[in-house]
Amino acid sequence: MRLFMISFVIIALIVVSAGIFLLSWEIPAPITSIEKVIPDAKFKN
């Protein structure tokens, strides 16, 4: 029973710390621009 509690606490700490890391991580926005030419025929019915 003691081993179960210790492993549960360790797993809970890992999950909580991973959540805090993901919440505080400022992912940089992509800076590459994408230009795609769409023909006018696609918009006319």
Protein backbone atom coordinates (compact mmCIF):
# COMPACT_ATOMS: atom_id res chain seq x y z
CA MET A 1 0.00 0.00 0.00
CA ARG A 2 2.86 2.35 0.78
CA LEU A 3 4.45 1.76 -2.63
CA PHE A 4 1.12 2.55 -4.31
CA MET A 5 0.82 5.87 -2.46
CA ILE A 6 4.40 6.87 -3.26
CA SER A 7 3.99 6.05 -6.95
CA PHE A 8 0.64 7.88 -7.04
CA VAL A 9 2.19 11.01 -5.52
CA ILE A 10 5.12 10.90 -7.96
CA ILE A 11 2.81 10.50 -10.97
CA ALA A 12 0.56 13.31 -9.69
CA LEU A 13 3.58 15.60 -9.30
CA ILE A 14 4.76 14.82 -12.82
CA VAL A 15 1.31 15.55 -14.28
CA VAL A 16 0.94 18.81 -12.35
CA SER A 17 4.42 20.03 -13.22
CA ALA A 18 3.88 19.15 -16.91
CA GLY A 19 0.62 21.13 -16.85
CA ILE A 20 2.31 24.13 -15.27
CA PHE A 21 5.09 23.93 -17.85
CA LEU A 22 2.63 23.86 -20.75
CA LEU A 23 0.59 26.73 -19.31
CA SER A 24 3.61 28.96 -18.82
CA TRP A 25 5.46 28.09 -22.06
CA GLU A 26 5.30 30.95 -24.53
CA ILE A 27 5.46 29.21 -27.90
CA PRO A 28 6.82 31.57 -30.55
CA ALA A 29 4.50 32.27 -33.45
CA PRO A 30 5.64 31.06 -36.85
CA ILE A 31 7.31 33.83 -38.83
CA THR A 32 7.32 32.29 -42.30
CA SER A 33 4.72 33.75 -44.61
CA ILE A 34 2.73 31.53 -46.94
CA GLU A 35 1.48 32.87 -50.23
CA LYS A 36 -0.81 30.72 -52.32
CA VAL A 37 -2.46 31.82 -55.55
CA ILE A 38 -6.07 30.70 -55.80
CA PRO A 39 -7.63 30.95 -59.24
CA ASP A 40 -10.77 33.06 -59.62
CA ALA A 41 -12.62 30.12 -61.16
CA LYS A 42 -12.91 28.54 -57.72
CA PHE A 43 -14.98 31.46 -56.42
CA LYS A 44 -17.40 31.89 -59.30
CA ASN A 45 -20.47 29.66 -59.33
